[in-house]
């Protein structure tokens, strides 16, 4: 795990209104991994802005498919797909965003495609 990663635990408690009430508790481990982004300037020859995700995780799962998504405002409920899903090799992977030509700011996530 890299130093920018965050470990946490989420506890979920469920009860019903029966007599006696049924109760169950489960703990879920959560790891949030840093998403590193590199930026290439539009002043390059032939240039458009290209934002590329250099690594979506410090590791990927071989044979699983990942897709890059973005939104321009965190408040927006919808994530927008960037390109096609890419099959992982187990090594860190690169997911470029050539659509960010005029974007002032974007928020990214990489999702596992089931």
Protein backbone atom coordinates (compact mmCIF):
# COMPACT_ATOMS: atom_id res chain seq x y z
CA UNK A 1 0.00 0.00 0.00
CA UNK A 2 1.26 3.48 -0.87
CA UNK A 3 1.41 6.35 1.61
CA UNK A 4 -1.53 8.17 -0.06
CA UNK A 5 -3.82 5.17 0.38
CA UNK A 6 -6.42 5.19 3.15
CA UNK A 7 -7.54 2.16 5.16
CA UNK A 8 -10.83 2.18 6.94
CA UNK A 9 -13.66 0.12 8.27
CA UNK A 10 -17.38 0.53 7.74
CA UNK A 11 -19.72 -1.10 10.27
CA UNK A 12 -23.31 -1.74 9.23
CA UNK A 13 -25.97 -2.53 11.84
CA UNK A 14 -29.38 -3.77 10.72
CA UNK A 15 -32.42 -4.24 12.96
CA UNK A 16 -36.07 -5.01 12.39
CA UNK A 17 -39.19 -4.08 14.35
CA UNK A 18 -40.13 -7.62 15.32
CA UNK A 19 -40.51 -8.93 18.86
CA UNK A 20 -37.88 -9.77 19.81
CA UNK A 21 -35.99 -7.58 17.30
CA UNK A 22 -33.44 -9.26 15.06
CA UNK A 23 -30.07 -7.53 14.88
CA UNK A 24 -27.04 -8.14 12.70
CA UNK A 25 -23.76 -6.26 12.42
CA UNK A 26 -21.14 -6.62 9.71
CA UNK A 27 -17.77 -4.92 9.29
CA UNK A 28 -16.41 -4.15 5.84
CA UNK A 29 -12.77 -3.33 5.24
CA UNK A 30 -12.22 -0.43 2.83
CA UNK A 31 -9.04 0.63 1.05
CA UNK A 32 -9.12 3.87 -0.91
CA UNK A 33 -6.15 4.03 -3.22
CA UNK A 34 -4.61 7.16 -4.69
CA UNK A 35 -5.33 7.92 -8.35
CA UNK A 36 -2.30 9.64 -9.82
CA UNK A 37 -2.77 12.00 -12.76
CA UNK A 38 -0.20 13.41 -15.14
CA UNK A 39 -0.84 16.42 -17.36
CA UNK A 40 0.64 17.12 -20.79
CA UNK A 41 0.50 20.75 -21.89
CA UNK A 42 -1.44 21.82 -25.01
CA UNK A 43 1.53 23.85 -26.23
CA UNK A 44 3.08 20.74 -27.73
CA UNK A 45 3.21 20.41 -31.52
CA UNK A 46 -0.18 19.36 -32.89
CA UNK A 47 -1.33 19.70 -29.33
CA UNK A 48 -4.46 19.10 -27.43
CA UNK A 49 -4.60 18.77 -23.70
CA UNK A 50 -4.26 15.16 -22.66
CA UNK A 51 -4.84 14.06 -19.13
CA UNK A 52 -3.57 10.58 -18.50
CA UNK A 53 -4.00 8.49 -15.43
CA UNK A 54 -0.59 7.00 -14.89
CA UNK A 55 -1.79 4.42 -12.37
CA UNK A 56 -5.32 3.59 -11.34
CA UNK A 57 -4.17 1.43 -8.43
CA UNK A 58 -0.80 0.32 -7.16
CA UNK A 59 -1.94 -3.09 -8.39
CA UNK A 60 -4.65 -4.41 -10.69
CA UNK A 61 -6.29 -7.80 -10.99
CA UNK A 62 -5.26 -9.77 -14.07
CA UNK A 63 -8.12 -10.33 -16.50
CA UNK A 64 -10.47 -7.79 -14.88
CA UNK A 65 -11.74 -4.79 -16.87
CA UNK A 66 -11.36 -1.17 -15.71
CA UNK A 67 -12.85 2.05 -17.10
CA UNK A 68 -11.91 5.68 -16.46
CA UNK A 69 -14.76 8.06 -15.58
CA UNK A 70 -14.91 11.77 -14.83
CA UNK A 71 -17.18 14.56 -13.71
CA UNK A 72 -16.46 18.27 -13.80
CA UNK A 73 -18.30 19.03 -10.55
CA UNK A 74 -18.28 16.79 -7.50
CA UNK A 75 -21.92 17.69 -6.85
CA UNK A 76 -22.94 16.19 -10.20
CA UNK A 77 -24.71 12.84 -9.72
CA UNK A 78 -23.45 11.39 -13.02
CA UNK A 79 -20.01 10.03 -13.88
CA UNK A 80 -19.10 10.14 -17.59
CA UNK A 81 -17.21 7.26 -19.22
CA UNK A 82 -13.89 8.05 -20.91
CA UNK A 83 -13.19 5.60 -23.69
CA UNK A 84 -13.59 1.85 -23.56
CA UNK A 85 -12.90 -0.49 -20.68
CA UNK A 86 -9.36 -1.90 -20.60
CA UNK A 87 -8.37 -5.39 -19.46
CA UNK A 88 -5.77 -5.39 -16.69
CA UNK A 89 -2.55 -7.36 -16.84
CA UNK A 90 -1.94 -7.32 -13.10
CA UNK A 91 0.52 -4.43 -13.44
CA UNK A 92 -0.26 -0.72 -13.00
CA UNK A 93 -2.12 0.59 -16.03
CA UNK A 94 -2.52 3.84 -17.93
CA UNK A 95 -5.93 5.20 -18.94
CA UNK A 96 -5.60 8.39 -21.05
CA UNK A 97 -8.27 11.08 -21.39
CA UNK A 98 -7.97 12.81 -24.76
CA UNK A 99 -11.40 14.45 -24.28
CA UNK A 100 -10.17 16.98 -21.71
CA UNK A 101 -9.16 19.57 -24.31
CA UNK A 102 -11.00 22.51 -22.74
CA UNK A 103 -11.71 21.23 -19.26
CA UNK A 104 -10.71 23.64 -16.49
CA UNK A 105 -10.98 20.90 -13.85
CA UNK A 106 -12.09 17.29 -13.72
CA UNK A 107 -12.54 14.70 -11.02
CA UNK A 108 -11.62 11.14 -11.97
CA UNK A 109 -12.27 7.63 -10.79
CA UNK A 110 -11.40 4.25 -12.21
CA UNK A 111 -14.15 1.64 -11.90
CA UNK A 112 -14.10 -2.10 -12.14
CA UNK A 113 -16.39 -3.19 -14.98
CA UNK A 114 -18.37 -6.32 -14.13
